[in-house]
Amino acid sequence: MTHSPKLTVSNSDVDQKTLIRQIDEACDFMDKIYRDGYYPKVKVTRSWSEHNPVIEGEFAKPEVYRWYLKRELAKLVRAGAEVTISPSRECVSLNDPKLLDAIDEDHWDFTKKKLFLFRAERIDLSLDRLQHYTGTNARDFQRYIMFTNYDMHVEVFKQRYPDCVRPARNVQMPAYHHKVKDNLGLTLINIGVGPSNAKTITDHVAVLRPDVMIMVGHCGGLRNHQEIGDFVLASGYMRADGVLDASLPKNVPIIPNNMLNFHLQSVLEEEKMTYRMGTVYTIDNRNWEFMKRRVVHEIHISRSIAIDMESATVATNGFRYRIPNATLLCISDKPLHGKPKLGESAQSFYQNSKERHLDIVIKAIEFSKTNFPGGLPNASLRALDEPLMGGGS
């Protein structure tokens, strides 16, 4: 390699402007290492940690999530850590058969203390697949990500942000990006229908370390006193989707981020919207009515107030990957009360709800950005001894 073997940033006493410049230089160095065909390795020495003073990790395509690296590395240096960046191994080609061994996470302990949740090979592959599924460049993704499964929300988003980045071709899960400096804008992804799609996209989005993931979908209302057009703000989930059962035991409680829910609830109250908080039952079978007795039994046991096909999946992967998340659904039908989702009535509902639904979520995100510019608190999503990049333990 033609550049110096390593770069160190360690002076926490420098002024903010100097620190920002030093962190920028460190990120430039990481980019150059990767362009030269090596994974950049980041070693963090934390004198305050008695049992884990040194943590390190390798990265791939650091330019894509540069905003995150700058924020977290600056936090560490300000806290008194020494950050050293150096080239590690040669990058593994995505066409190399050895790649599958490197990205096999069956034996990758997500609770073990490490600098970053993902191996470098996994980062490389996920960023490539993001572009494949969404039709947009991975570096266009913003910190605040919304998932929908309806074109109507996409149309509202495009009308609101006419200059947003759009897919260059027809793809499975098109993404749209309202870009703002430092990736402080909004991304909307139309993930299609079903928990499998929800898992696929969140597996890859997680590598970007977004500040927020919100499911903006529709649901069946399960309570007599709910009406079509009412909102459902999830306070918990019944995981009947099945797609992540092998990755996370079903007895692990999954709940939305408290502050994010507070912001969503505040907007709902401010806009005088009718809503209810409670458990969302997520299932993998759109035709669950064909096994009504079994499903309704679980609905009663879980006290669920709504049923859908994606929310618990998004929330479970948010928990696994330490990403603050929430769910705001709008009731499109009441299958247990003689109001199933039928073509003509559904279209009328969609037209009346689409703008209001997306506006509520965007307004809540703006509250989050204002109140927590450094990202929502995520200590509740981390293991007891797990610092990730910016932790102090």
Protein backbone atom coordinates (compact mmCIF):
# COMPACT_ATOMS: atom_id res chain seq x y z
CA MET A 1 0.00 0.00 0.00
CA THR A 2 1.20 3.50 -0.78
CA HIS A 3 -0.23 5.36 2.24
CA SER A 4 0.98 5.39 5.85
CA PRO A 5 0.12 2.24 7.82
CA LYS A 6 -2.12 3.92 10.39
CA LEU A 7 -3.72 7.11 11.63
CA THR A 8 -4.53 7.97 15.26
CA VAL A 9 -6.93 10.51 16.73
CA SER A 10 -6.75 10.91 20.49
CA ASN A 11 -6.68 14.49 21.72
CA SER A 12 -9.99 15.19 23.46
CA ASP A 13 -8.86 18.69 24.48
CA VAL A 14 -8.88 20.17 20.97
CA ASP A 15 -11.59 22.60 19.97
CA GLN A 16 -14.69 21.35 18.16
CA LYS A 17 -13.57 22.62 14.76
CA THR A 18 -10.23 20.84 15.00
CA LEU A 19 -11.86 17.64 16.20
CA ILE A 20 -14.27 17.65 13.26
CA ARG A 21 -11.35 18.13 10.86
CA GLN A 22 -9.42 15.26 12.46
CA ILE A 23 -12.43 12.94 12.27
CA ASP A 24 -12.96 13.92 8.62
CA GLU A 25 -9.33 13.03 7.91
CA ALA A 26 -9.81 9.70 9.68
CA CYS A 27 -12.87 8.93 7.53
CA ASP A 28 -10.97 9.94 4.39
CA PHE A 29 -8.25 7.52 5.42
CA MET A 30 -10.79 4.72 5.85
CA ASP A 31 -12.19 5.46 2.39
CA LYS A 32 -8.73 5.30 0.85
CA ILE A 33 -7.90 2.01 2.53
CA TYR A 34 -11.09 0.49 1.16
CA ARG A 35 -10.50 1.86 -2.36
CA ASP A 36 -7.04 0.29 -2.23
CA GLY A 37 -8.68 -3.11 -1.74
CA TYR A 38 -8.41 -3.58 2.03
CA TYR A 39 -10.86 -3.45 4.91
CA PRO A 40 -10.11 -0.51 7.20
CA LYS A 41 -9.78 -1.58 10.83
CA VAL A 42 -10.75 0.76 13.66
CA LYS A 43 -9.20 0.15 17.07
CA VAL A 44 -10.61 2.08 20.03
CA THR A 45 -8.65 2.23 23.28
CA ARG A 46 -10.80 3.36 26.21
CA SER A 47 -8.81 3.98 29.36
CA TRP A 48 -11.98 4.23 31.45
CA SER A 49 -13.01 0.64 30.75
CA GLU A 50 -11.61 -1.76 33.34
CA HIS A 51 -12.58 -5.01 31.60
CA ASN A 52 -12.74 -4.06 27.92
CA PRO A 53 -10.29 -1.23 27.32
CA VAL A 54 -9.76 -2.15 23.64
CA ILE A 55 -12.50 -2.86 21.10
CA GLU A 56 -12.03 -3.02 17.36
CA GLY A 57 -13.79 -3.84 14.14
CA GLU A 58 -13.43 -3.91 10.36
CA PHE A 59 -15.55 -1.95 7.92
CA ALA A 60 -16.51 -1.93 4.25
CA LYS A 61 -17.68 0.98 2.07
CA PRO A 62 -17.26 3.49 4.93
CA GLU A 63 -18.25 6.41 2.69
CA VAL A 64 -21.86 5.12 2.62
CA TYR A 65 -22.47 5.63 6.37
CA ARG A 66 -19.80 8.30 6.89
CA TRP A 67 -22.27 10.44 8.89
CA TYR A 68 -22.53 7.65 11.46
CA LEU A 69 -18.78 7.06 11.69
CA LYS A 70 -18.13 10.79 12.13
CA ARG A 71 -20.70 11.09 14.90
CA GLU A 72 -19.66 7.99 16.85
CA LEU A 73 -15.89 8.42 16.49
CA ALA A 74 -16.18 12.05 17.62
CA LYS A 75 -18.14 10.91 20.70
CA LEU A 76 -15.42 8.44 21.58
CA VAL A 77 -12.58 10.92 21.18
CA ARG A 78 -14.43 13.57 23.18
CA ALA A 79 -14.84 10.98 25.95
CA GLY A 80 -11.06 10.45 26.00
CA ALA A 81 -10.64 7.41 23.77
CA GLU A 82 -7.78 6.87 21.34
CA VAL A 83 -8.95 5.86 17.86
CA THR A 84 -6.47 4.17 15.53
CA ILE A 85 -7.26 3.36 11.89
CA SER A 86 -5.18 0.95 9.83
CA PRO A 87 -5.57 -1.41 6.86
CA SER A 88 -6.63 -4.94 7.72
CA ARG A 89 -7.26 -7.86 5.34
CA GLU A 90 -7.71 -7.72 1.62
CA CYS A 91 -11.36 -7.32 0.69
CA VAL A 92 -13.19 -10.53 -0.18
CA SER A 93 -14.87 -10.44 -3.59
CA LEU A 94 -18.64 -10.82 -3.56
CA ASN A 95 -18.10 -13.57 -6.14
CA ASP A 96 -15.73 -15.51 -3.87
CA PRO A 97 -17.23 -18.78 -2.52
CA LYS A 98 -15.54 -18.00 0.82
CA LEU A 99 -17.90 -15.06 1.24
CA LEU A 100 -20.70 -17.32 2.51
CA ASP A 101 -18.52 -18.56 5.38
CA ALA A 102 -17.66 -14.99 6.34
CA ILE A 103 -21.28 -13.80 6.44
CA ASP A 104 -22.68 -16.86 8.24
CA GLU A 105 -24.15 -15.36 11.41
CA ASP A 106 -25.30 -18.58 13.07
CA HIS A 107 -22.21 -18.45 15.29
CA TRP A 108 -21.85 -14.65 15.33
CA ASP A 109 -22.63 -13.62 18.89
CA PHE A 110 -24.67 -10.44 18.66
CA THR A 111 -24.32 -9.87 22.42
CA LYS A 112 -20.52 -10.09 22.50
CA LYS A 113 -18.74 -6.80 23.03
CA LYS A 114 -17.62 -5.50 19.64
CA LEU A 115 -17.17 -2.20 17.86
CA PHE A 116 -19.72 -2.86 15.13
CA LEU A 117 -22.51 -5.42 14.79
CA PHE A 118 -21.51 -6.65 11.34
CA ARG A 119 -18.50 -8.22 9.70
CA ALA A 120 -16.99 -6.30 6.80
CA GLU A 121 -18.13 -8.91 4.27
CA ARG A 122 -21.71 -8.64 5.52
CA ILE A 123 -21.59 -4.85 5.13
CA ASP A 124 -20.35 -5.18 1.55
CA LEU A 125 -23.03 -7.67 0.57
CA SER A 126 -25.90 -5.84 2.30
CA LEU A 127 -25.05 -2.52 0.65
CA ASP A 128 -24.92 -4.23 -2.73
CA ARG A 129 -28.29 -5.90 -2.12
CA LEU A 130 -29.83 -2.64 -0.95
CA GLN A 131 -29.06 -1.15 -4.33
CA HIS A 132 -30.41 -4.24 -6.06
CA TYR A 133 -33.72 -4.31 -4.16
CA THR A 134 -34.39 -0.57 -3.97
CA GLY A 135 -32.95 0.69 -7.27
CA THR A 136 -31.06 3.50 -5.51
CA ASN A 137 -27.49 3.98 -4.36
CA ALA A 138 -26.81 2.96 -0.78
CA ARG A 139 -25.19 6.34 -0.06
CA ASP A 140 -28.52 8.07 -0.81
CA PHE A 141 -30.22 6.49 2.21
CA GLN A 142 -31.07 8.89 5.01
CA ARG A 143 -31.07 8.43 8.78
CA TYR A 144 -34.86 8.36 9.12
CA ILE A 145 -36.44 5.43 7.31
CA MET A 146 -40.13 4.72 6.75
CA PHE A 147 -41.51 1.46 5.38
CA THR A 148 -44.79 1.20 3.50
CA ASN A 149 -46.44 -1.38 1.28
CA TYR A 150 -48.63 0.93 -0.73
CA ASP A 151 -47.90 3.04 -3.81
CA MET A 152 -50.23 5.72 -2.50
CA HIS A 153 -47.75 6.64 0.26
CA VAL A 154 -45.04 6.82 -2.37
CA GLU A 155 -47.16 9.23 -4.41
CA VAL A 156 -47.68 11.46 -1.38
CA PHE A 157 -43.95 11.39 -0.64
CA LYS A 158 -43.07 12.34 -4.23
CA GLN A 159 -45.57 15.19 -4.20
CA ARG A 160 -44.18 16.48 -0.93
CA TYR A 161 -40.54 16.11 -2.04
CA PRO A 162 -40.56 16.48 -5.86
CA ASP A 163 -36.74 16.50 -5.99
CA CYS A 164 -36.36 13.24 -4.09
CA VAL A 165 -34.00 10.58 -5.43
CA ARG A 166 -36.00 7.84 -7.18
CA PRO A 167 -35.24 4.35 -8.46
CA ALA A 168 -33.52 4.24 -11.83
CA ARG A 169 -35.42 1.11 -12.86
CA ASN A 170 -38.29 -1.16 -11.85
CA VAL A 171 -37.28 -3.01 -8.70
CA GLN A 172 -38.80 -5.19 -6.00
CA MET A 173 -38.73 -2.66 -3.15
CA PRO A 174 -38.31 0.86 -4.58
CA ALA A 175 -36.84 3.53 -2.31
CA TYR A 176 -37.24 7.31 -2.38
CA HIS A 177 -34.87 9.69 -0.61
CA HIS A 178 -35.42 13.27 0.49
CA LYS A 179 -31.75 14.12 0.93
CA VAL A 180 -30.49 16.59 3.52
CA LYS A 181 -26.93 17.40 4.56
CA ASP A 182 -25.37 14.78 6.87
CA ASN A 183 -28.11 12.31 5.83
CA LEU A 184 -30.65 14.06 8.06
CA GLY A 185 -33.44 13.60 5.52
CA LEU A 186 -36.10 10.95 4.98
CA THR A 187 -36.17 7.65 3.13
CA LEU A 188 -39.38 5.86 2.16
CA ILE A 189 -39.23 2.24 0.99
CA ASN A 190 -42.18 0.41 -0.53
CA ILE A 191 -41.40 -3.06 0.80
CA GLY A 192 -44.40 -4.83 -0.66
CA VAL A 193 -46.54 -7.24 1.33
CA GLY A 194 -45.47 -9.83 3.89
CA PRO A 195 -43.01 -10.54 6.68
CA SER A 196 -40.43 -12.10 4.36
CA ASN A 197 -39.97 -8.80 2.53
CA ALA A 198 -39.92 -6.94 5.84
CA LYS A 199 -37.10 -9.15 7.11
CA THR A 200 -35.13 -8.95 3.87
CA ILE A 201 -35.06 -5.16 3.71
CA THR A 202 -34.41 -4.58 7.41
CA ASP A 203 -31.54 -7.09 7.37
CA HIS A 204 -29.78 -4.85 4.88
CA VAL A 205 -30.95 -1.42 6.06
CA ALA A 206 -29.55 -2.24 9.52
CA VAL A 207 -25.99 -1.99 8.18
CA LEU A 208 -26.57 1.74 7.54
CA ARG A 209 -27.25 2.31 11.28
CA PRO A 210 -30.32 4.52 10.77
CA ASP A 211 -31.57 6.60 13.67
CA VAL A 212 -35.18 5.51 13.15
CA MET A 213 -37.28 2.84 11.38
CA ILE A 214 -41.06 3.31 11.27
CA MET A 215 -43.66 1.01 9.74
CA VAL A 216 -46.34 3.12 8.05
CA GLY A 217 -48.96 0.56 7.08
CA HIS A 218 -52.58 -0.52 7.20
CA CYS A 219 -54.19 -3.10 9.40
CA GLY A 220 -57.37 -4.85 10.28
CA GLY A 221 -59.04 -3.40 13.36
CA LEU A 222 -59.97 -6.10 15.86
CA ARG A 223 -62.03 -4.21 18.44
CA ASN A 224 -65.69 -3.30 18.19
CA HIS A 225 -65.15 0.35 19.08
CA GLN A 226 -62.56 0.95 16.38
CA GLU A 227 -63.61 2.49 13.09
CA ILE A 228 -62.14 2.36 9.61
CA GLY A 229 -59.72 5.29 9.37
CA ASP A 230 -58.73 5.16 13.05
CA PHE A 231 -55.03 4.85 13.86
CA VAL A 232 -53.20 2.16 15.78
CA LEU A 233 -49.99 3.01 17.63
CA ALA A 234 -48.26 -0.24 18.55
CA SER A 235 -47.17 -0.69 22.15
CA GLY A 236 -46.19 -4.33 21.60
CA TYR A 237 -46.37 -7.19 19.12
CA MET A 238 -47.72 -10.72 18.82
CA ARG A 239 -45.18 -12.52 16.62
CA ALA A 240 -47.19 -14.93 14.48
CA ASP A 241 -45.14 -14.14 11.34
CA GLY A 242 -42.55 -16.84 12.07
CA VAL A 243 -39.71 -15.53 9.90
CA LEU A 244 -37.37 -14.56 12.75
CA ASP A 245 -38.20 -17.32 15.23
CA ALA A 246 -34.87 -19.08 14.58
CA SER A 247 -32.96 -15.84 15.14
CA LEU A 248 -34.70 -14.55 18.25
CA PRO A 249 -36.77 -16.61 20.71
CA LYS A 250 -40.44 -15.69 20.71
CA ASN A 251 -40.42 -15.18 24.48
CA VAL A 252 -38.13 -12.13 24.10
CA PRO A 253 -40.34 -9.05 24.60
CA ILE A 254 -40.39 -6.68 21.62
CA ILE A 255 -41.62 -3.13 22.21
CA PRO A 256 -41.32 0.11 20.21
CA ASN A 257 -38.97 2.92 21.19
CA ASN A 258 -40.64 4.85 24.00
CA MET A 259 -39.56 8.34 22.88
CA LEU A 260 -40.52 7.67 19.27
CA ASN A 261 -43.94 6.49 20.41
CA PHE A 262 -44.25 9.60 22.56
CA HIS A 263 -43.57 11.80 19.53
CA LEU A 264 -46.09 9.90 17.41
CA GLN A 265 -48.70 10.07 20.17
CA SER A 266 -48.10 13.80 20.60
CA VAL A 267 -48.78 14.43 16.91
CA LEU A 268 -51.89 12.24 16.98
CA GLU A 269 -53.18 14.24 19.94
CA GLU A 270 -52.24 17.56 18.36
CA GLU A 271 -54.02 16.64 15.13
CA LYS A 272 -57.02 15.35 17.12
CA MET A 273 -56.82 11.95 15.45
CA THR A 274 -58.73 8.96 16.80
CA TYR A 275 -56.25 6.25 17.77
CA ARG A 276 -55.66 3.39 20.15
CA MET A 277 -52.45 1.97 21.60
CA GLY A 278 -52.02 -1.76 22.01
CA THR A 279 -50.64 -5.02 20.66
CA VAL A 280 -50.35 -5.59 16.91
CA TYR A 281 -50.75 -9.19 15.77
CA THR A 282 -48.47 -9.86 12.79
CA ILE A 283 -49.15 -12.97 10.71
CA ASP A 284 -47.56 -14.53 7.63
CA ASN A 285 -50.83 -15.63 6.03
CA ARG A 286 -52.91 -13.00 4.23
CA ASN A 287 -55.79 -15.46 4.10
CA TRP A 288 -55.80 -16.01 7.85
CA GLU A 289 -59.60 -15.81 7.76
CA PHE A 290 -59.51 -19.35 6.35
CA MET A 291 -58.27 -20.54 9.77
CA LYS A 292 -60.29 -18.06 11.78
CA ARG A 293 -60.82 -20.06 14.97
CA ARG A 294 -57.11 -20.61 15.58
CA VAL A 295 -56.10 -17.01 14.83
CA VAL A 296 -58.94 -15.43 16.80
CA HIS A 297 -58.00 -17.58 19.80
CA GLU A 298 -54.48 -16.10 19.75
CA ILE A 299 -55.86 -12.61 19.19
CA HIS A 300 -57.99 -12.92 22.33
CA ILE A 301 -55.12 -14.32 24.40
CA SER A 302 -52.74 -11.55 23.31
CA ARG A 303 -55.35 -8.74 23.67
CA SER A 304 -54.35 -7.61 20.18
CA ILE A 305 -56.13 -4.59 18.73
CA ALA A 306 -54.95 -4.87 15.12
CA ILE A 307 -53.66 -7.44 12.64
CA ASP A 308 -51.12 -6.95 9.84
CA MET A 309 -48.25 -8.75 8.06
CA GLU A 310 -45.11 -6.66 8.62
CA SER A 311 -45.01 -4.67 11.86
CA ALA A 312 -43.69 -7.30 14.27
CA THR A 313 -41.06 -8.36 11.74
CA VAL A 314 -39.72 -4.81 11.38
CA ALA A 315 -39.79 -4.34 15.16
CA THR A 316 -38.03 -7.66 15.83
CA ASN A 317 -35.20 -6.85 13.45
CA GLY A 318 -35.06 -3.37 14.97
CA PHE A 319 -34.51 -5.04 18.33
CA ARG A 320 -31.93 -7.49 16.96
CA TYR A 321 -29.97 -4.74 15.23
CA ARG A 322 -30.34 -2.03 17.92
CA ILE A 323 -32.37 0.44 15.85
CA PRO A 324 -35.10 2.57 17.48
CA ASN A 325 -38.38 1.69 15.77
CA ALA A 326 -42.13 2.21 15.95
CA THR A 327 -45.35 1.35 14.13
CA LEU A 328 -48.23 3.61 13.14
CA LEU A 329 -51.02 1.81 11.30
CA CYS A 330 -54.34 2.96 9.91
CA ILE A 331 -57.36 0.68 10.05
CA SER A 332 -58.52 -0.25 6.54
CA ASP A 333 -60.98 -3.01 7.46
CA LYS A 334 -62.64 -4.79 10.38
CA PRO A 335 -62.62 -8.45 9.40
CA LEU A 336 -64.24 -9.70 12.62
CA HIS A 337 -67.11 -7.22 12.41
CA GLY A 338 -68.51 -7.74 8.91
CA LYS A 339 -66.21 -5.20 7.26
CA PRO A 340 -63.57 -7.17 5.34
CA LYS A 341 -61.14 -5.48 3.00
CA LEU A 342 -63.01 -5.29 -0.31
CA GLY A 343 -61.84 -3.62 -3.49
CA GLU A 344 -64.11 -0.57 -3.82
CA SER A 345 -64.34 0.36 -0.14
CA ALA A 346 -60.58 -0.11 0.32
CA GLN A 347 -59.76 2.29 -2.50
CA SER A 348 -62.04 4.94 -1.03
CA PHE A 349 -60.36 4.56 2.36
CA TYR A 350 -56.88 4.78 0.85
CA GLN A 351 -57.61 8.05 -0.91
CA ASN A 352 -58.96 9.62 2.28
CA SER A 353 -56.13 8.51 4.57
CA LYS A 354 -52.89 8.55 2.62
CA GLU A 355 -51.70 12.16 3.09
CA ARG A 356 -52.74 12.44 6.72
CA HIS A 357 -51.01 9.16 7.62
CA LEU A 358 -47.63 10.05 6.15
CA ASP A 359 -47.79 13.63 7.46
CA ILE A 360 -48.24 12.41 11.05
CA VAL A 361 -45.17 10.19 10.83
CA ILE A 362 -43.02 12.87 9.19
CA LYS A 363 -44.03 15.41 11.83
CA ALA A 364 -43.10 12.95 14.59
CA ILE A 365 -39.73 12.38 12.95
CA GLU A 366 -39.12 16.13 12.88
CA PHE A 367 -39.81 16.22 16.64
CA SER A 368 -37.26 13.43 17.11
CA LYS A 369 -34.66 15.23 15.02
CA THR A 370 -35.13 18.41 17.04
CA ASN A 371 -35.13 16.79 20.47
CA PHE A 372 -32.44 14.17 19.78
CA PRO A 373 -30.10 15.45 17.04
CA GLY A 374 -27.56 12.81 18.02
CA GLY A 375 -30.04 9.98 17.60
CA LEU A 376 -32.73 8.57 19.90
CA PRO A 377 -31.56 6.89 23.12
CA ASN A 378 -31.05 3.19 22.41
CA ALA A 379 -29.69 1.81 25.69
CA SER A 380 -32.79 -0.38 26.02
CA LEU A 381 -31.86 -2.13 22.76
CA ARG A 382 -28.31 -2.99 23.81
CA ALA A 383 -27.01 -5.90 25.83
CA LEU A 384 -25.76 -5.26 29.38
CA ASP A 385 -22.09 -4.97 28.43
CA GLU A 386 -22.41 -3.85 24.83
CA PRO A 387 -21.03 -0.41 23.92
CA LEU A 388 -21.26 -0.55 20.12
CA MET A 389 -19.33 2.49 18.96
CA GLY A 390 -20.41 5.29 21.25
CA GLY A 391 -21.02 3.50 24.54
CA GLY A 392 -19.19 4.25 27.74
CA SER A 393 -19.09 0.87 29.51
